[in-house]
Amino acid sequence: MSQEKELIIKLSIAGDELVIEWYDGKESRLYSHWLRDHCQMPTSIDADNGQRLFSVVNIPQETYIEKAYKDEKGNVCVRFQPENHLSVFSQSWLRKNCYDLNLHFDDRSEKQKHLWQKDSFKAGLPFINYESMCNDENVKLDALRLVRDVGFFVLESVPTIKGQVLKVISELGYTRETNYGALFEVRTEVNPNNLA
């Protein structure tokens, strides 16, 4: 890697995190397991196709950052224990993929979640009328936002006819068919002969 623009002013380790002070005054805290999971080294990622060469479940639970420093090319080197594994990240990659500075990168991040509290539904559960959702794009958008922000909504006044669930799904997304078809009934059996 060639010398790149200095984006990082200071690196430090605080508990389970790598703390990065950026050139623009912002600070990032990256968890050791996240960094180890995103290692870009040839032992972790196939250079030809980008495929990961290890499973996240094989990262030791007690993983921690022993040392973090910039090499002569400006790359950030992180030594993980107990594996004694060295990961090297470009400063630009860290900035681009830094989850606490790039919420637009993944709006499902921890900071965007609204966890339910005892008073979350004082006004009642979120209800959406099926006919309204099908005929009004704004209502459909409200429904999708409820799924994103709250995790669910109650769809009311849905016709109770065979196959209706597929019509409901088609209003919000697509059906991913399996080898059992688009719709199948799962039955509980003592000695099942399938994975359903």
Protein backbone atom coordinates (compact mmCIF):
# COMPACT_ATOMS: atom_id res chain seq x y z
CA MET A 1 0.00 0.00 0.00
CA SER A 2 1.27 3.45 -0.81
CA GLN A 3 1.39 6.36 1.63
CA GLU A 4 -2.11 7.77 2.11
CA LYS A 5 -3.51 10.99 3.52
CA GLU A 6 -3.27 11.20 7.30
CA LEU A 7 -6.83 10.88 8.54
CA ILE A 8 -5.98 9.65 12.03
CA ILE A 9 -4.38 11.90 14.64
CA LYS A 10 -4.18 9.42 17.52
CA LEU A 11 -4.84 5.75 18.32
CA SER A 12 -5.45 4.40 21.81
CA ILE A 13 -6.97 1.36 23.46
CA ALA A 14 -9.77 1.72 26.02
CA GLY A 15 -11.08 -1.54 27.42
CA ASP A 16 -12.47 -3.59 24.54
CA GLU A 17 -12.23 -0.77 21.98
CA LEU A 18 -9.79 0.90 19.63
CA VAL A 19 -10.24 4.66 20.04
CA ILE A 20 -9.49 6.73 16.95
CA GLU A 21 -9.13 10.50 17.01
CA TRP A 22 -9.76 11.77 13.46
CA TYR A 23 -8.26 14.81 11.72
CA ASP A 24 -11.64 16.60 11.84
CA GLY A 25 -12.00 16.33 15.62
CA LYS A 26 -14.38 13.35 15.56
CA GLU A 27 -13.75 10.26 17.65
CA SER A 28 -14.55 6.63 16.90
CA ARG A 29 -14.65 3.63 19.19
CA LEU A 30 -14.37 0.32 17.37
CA TYR A 31 -14.95 -2.95 19.23
CA SER A 32 -12.16 -5.49 19.10
CA HIS A 33 -14.44 -8.26 17.82
CA TRP A 34 -15.76 -6.02 15.03
CA LEU A 35 -12.22 -5.16 13.94
CA ARG A 36 -11.10 -8.78 14.07
CA ASP A 37 -14.18 -9.86 12.12
CA HIS A 38 -13.43 -7.26 9.42
CA CYS A 39 -9.76 -8.19 9.03
CA GLN A 40 -8.58 -7.59 5.45
CA MET A 41 -5.43 -9.74 5.62
CA PRO A 42 -4.84 -12.62 3.12
CA THR A 43 -5.35 -15.15 5.94
CA SER A 44 -8.84 -13.71 6.53
CA ILE A 45 -10.10 -12.58 3.09
CA ASP A 46 -9.56 -14.15 -0.33
CA ALA A 47 -7.95 -11.38 -2.41
CA ASP A 48 -9.50 -12.66 -5.66
CA ASN A 49 -13.15 -12.80 -4.67
CA GLY A 50 -13.40 -11.01 -1.30
CA GLN A 51 -14.77 -14.14 0.39
CA ARG A 52 -14.15 -14.49 4.10
CA LEU A 53 -11.84 -17.38 4.96
CA PHE A 54 -12.97 -17.80 8.56
CA SER A 55 -16.18 -17.79 10.55
CA VAL A 56 -16.98 -15.17 13.16
CA VAL A 57 -17.84 -17.99 15.58
CA ASN A 58 -14.17 -19.03 15.49
CA ILE A 59 -12.99 -15.70 16.89
CA PRO A 60 -12.17 -16.35 20.55
CA GLN A 61 -14.69 -14.77 22.89
CA GLU A 62 -11.87 -13.35 25.00
CA THR A 63 -10.34 -11.48 22.02
CA TYR A 64 -8.77 -8.16 22.93
CA ILE A 65 -6.48 -5.59 21.33
CA GLU A 66 -2.96 -5.91 22.65
CA LYS A 67 -1.42 -3.18 20.53
CA ALA A 68 -2.43 -0.65 17.86
CA TYR A 69 -0.09 1.57 15.85
CA LYS A 70 0.49 3.13 12.44
CA ASP A 71 3.12 1.56 10.21
CA GLU A 72 5.53 3.42 7.90
CA LYS A 73 2.86 3.59 5.17
CA GLY A 74 0.27 5.07 7.53
CA ASN A 75 -1.79 1.88 7.81
CA VAL A 76 -3.33 1.00 11.16
CA CYS A 77 -1.91 -2.24 12.56
CA VAL A 78 -3.86 -4.02 15.29
CA ARG A 79 -2.47 -7.00 17.22
CA PHE A 80 -5.20 -9.25 18.67
CA GLN A 81 -4.76 -11.70 21.51
CA PRO A 82 -5.08 -14.56 22.36
CA GLU A 83 -4.64 -15.45 18.65
CA ASN A 84 -1.56 -13.23 18.23
CA HIS A 85 -3.22 -12.14 14.97
CA LEU A 86 -2.12 -8.97 13.18
CA SER A 87 -4.67 -7.05 11.10
CA VAL A 88 -3.69 -4.11 8.91
CA PHE A 89 -6.31 -1.53 7.88
CA SER A 90 -5.92 1.51 5.66
CA GLN A 91 -6.99 4.74 7.31
CA SER A 92 -9.44 5.40 4.48
CA TRP A 93 -11.04 1.94 4.90
CA LEU A 94 -11.50 2.54 8.63
CA ARG A 95 -13.08 5.95 8.01
CA LYS A 96 -15.39 4.63 5.29
CA ASN A 97 -16.51 1.61 7.33
CA CYS A 98 -16.54 3.20 10.78
CA TYR A 99 -20.00 2.31 12.10
CA ASP A 100 -20.37 5.18 14.57
CA LEU A 101 -19.61 7.90 11.99
CA ASN A 102 -21.52 6.40 9.10
CA LEU A 103 -25.09 5.79 10.23
CA HIS A 104 -26.21 6.14 6.63
CA PHE A 105 -24.08 3.07 5.95
CA ASP A 106 -26.44 0.91 8.01
CA ASP A 107 -29.54 2.46 9.52
CA ARG A 108 -30.16 -0.77 11.43
CA SER A 109 -27.28 0.14 13.74
CA GLU A 110 -27.59 0.03 17.50
CA LYS A 111 -28.12 3.80 17.73
CA GLN A 112 -31.17 3.64 15.45
CA LYS A 113 -33.01 0.96 17.41
CA HIS A 114 -35.96 1.89 19.60
CA LEU A 115 -36.12 -0.79 22.27
CA TRP A 116 -39.53 -1.39 23.80
CA GLN A 117 -40.09 0.00 27.26
CA LYS A 118 -43.01 -0.46 29.64
CA ASP A 119 -44.56 2.75 28.33
CA SER A 120 -43.77 2.20 24.63
CA PHE A 121 -47.36 1.39 23.72
CA LYS A 122 -49.34 3.60 26.10
CA ALA A 123 -51.27 4.93 23.11
CA GLY A 124 -51.88 1.36 21.95
CA LEU A 125 -50.28 -1.01 19.49
CA PRO A 126 -49.56 0.30 15.99
CA PHE A 127 -52.43 -0.68 13.68
CA ILE A 128 -52.58 -0.32 9.88
CA ASN A 129 -55.70 -0.93 7.82
CA TYR A 130 -55.03 -3.41 4.99
CA GLU A 131 -57.15 -1.63 2.37
CA SER A 132 -55.52 1.72 3.20
CA MET A 133 -52.06 0.21 2.94
CA CYS A 134 -52.84 -1.27 -0.48
CA ASN A 135 -54.31 1.96 -1.88
CA ASP A 136 -52.17 4.68 -0.30
CA GLU A 137 -48.38 4.79 -0.74
CA ASN A 138 -48.03 7.04 2.32
CA VAL A 139 -49.77 4.46 4.52
CA LYS A 140 -47.54 1.74 3.06
CA LEU A 141 -44.49 3.88 3.86
CA ASP A 142 -45.79 4.33 7.42
CA ALA A 143 -46.12 0.54 7.71
CA LEU A 144 -42.56 -0.03 6.52
CA ARG A 145 -41.26 2.62 8.92
CA LEU A 146 -43.06 0.88 11.78
CA VAL A 147 -41.33 -2.39 10.89
CA ARG A 148 -37.97 -0.60 10.75
CA ASP A 149 -38.40 1.45 13.94
CA VAL A 150 -40.68 -0.62 16.18
CA GLY A 151 -40.31 -4.10 14.69
CA PHE A 152 -43.96 -4.77 13.85
CA PHE A 153 -47.44 -3.44 13.24
CA VAL A 154 -50.85 -5.08 13.43
CA LEU A 155 -52.51 -5.34 10.03
CA GLU A 156 -56.27 -5.22 10.41
CA SER A 157 -59.23 -5.95 8.14
CA VAL A 158 -57.29 -8.39 5.97
CA PRO A 159 -59.55 -10.68 3.90
CA THR A 160 -59.48 -14.22 5.27
CA ILE A 161 -59.16 -16.16 2.04
CA LYS A 162 -56.72 -18.87 1.05
CA GLY A 163 -53.40 -17.50 -0.16
CA GLN A 164 -54.06 -13.99 1.18
CA VAL A 165 -50.78 -13.98 3.06
CA LEU A 166 -48.94 -13.93 -0.30
CA LYS A 167 -50.90 -10.83 -1.34
CA VAL A 168 -50.00 -9.13 1.94
CA ILE A 169 -46.33 -9.98 1.45
CA SER A 170 -46.37 -8.66 -2.12
CA GLU A 171 -47.52 -5.26 -0.82
CA LEU A 172 -44.42 -4.95 1.37
CA GLY A 173 -41.74 -6.92 -0.43
CA TYR A 174 -41.27 -10.16 -2.27
CA THR A 175 -41.74 -13.82 -1.47
CA ARG A 176 -38.62 -15.90 -1.36
CA GLU A 177 -39.65 -19.31 -2.59
CA THR A 178 -38.10 -22.47 -1.22
CA ASN A 179 -38.07 -26.00 -2.54
CA TYR A 180 -41.49 -26.31 -0.82
CA GLY A 181 -42.93 -23.51 -2.98
CA ALA A 182 -44.10 -19.97 -2.19
CA LEU A 183 -46.47 -21.08 0.55
CA PHE A 184 -46.42 -24.26 2.59
CA GLU A 185 -47.85 -25.50 5.83
CA VAL A 186 -45.49 -26.58 8.58
CA ARG A 187 -46.78 -29.52 10.57
CA THR A 188 -45.35 -30.82 13.80
CA GLU A 189 -44.40 -34.48 13.42
CA VAL A 190 -42.75 -36.88 15.85
CA ASN A 191 -40.32 -38.22 13.23
CA PRO A 192 -40.05 -35.50 10.57
CA ASN A 193 -38.61 -36.34 7.15
CA ASN A 194 -37.75 -32.73 6.26
CA LEU A 195 -36.15 -29.61 7.74
CA ALA A 196 -39.32 -27.50 7.79
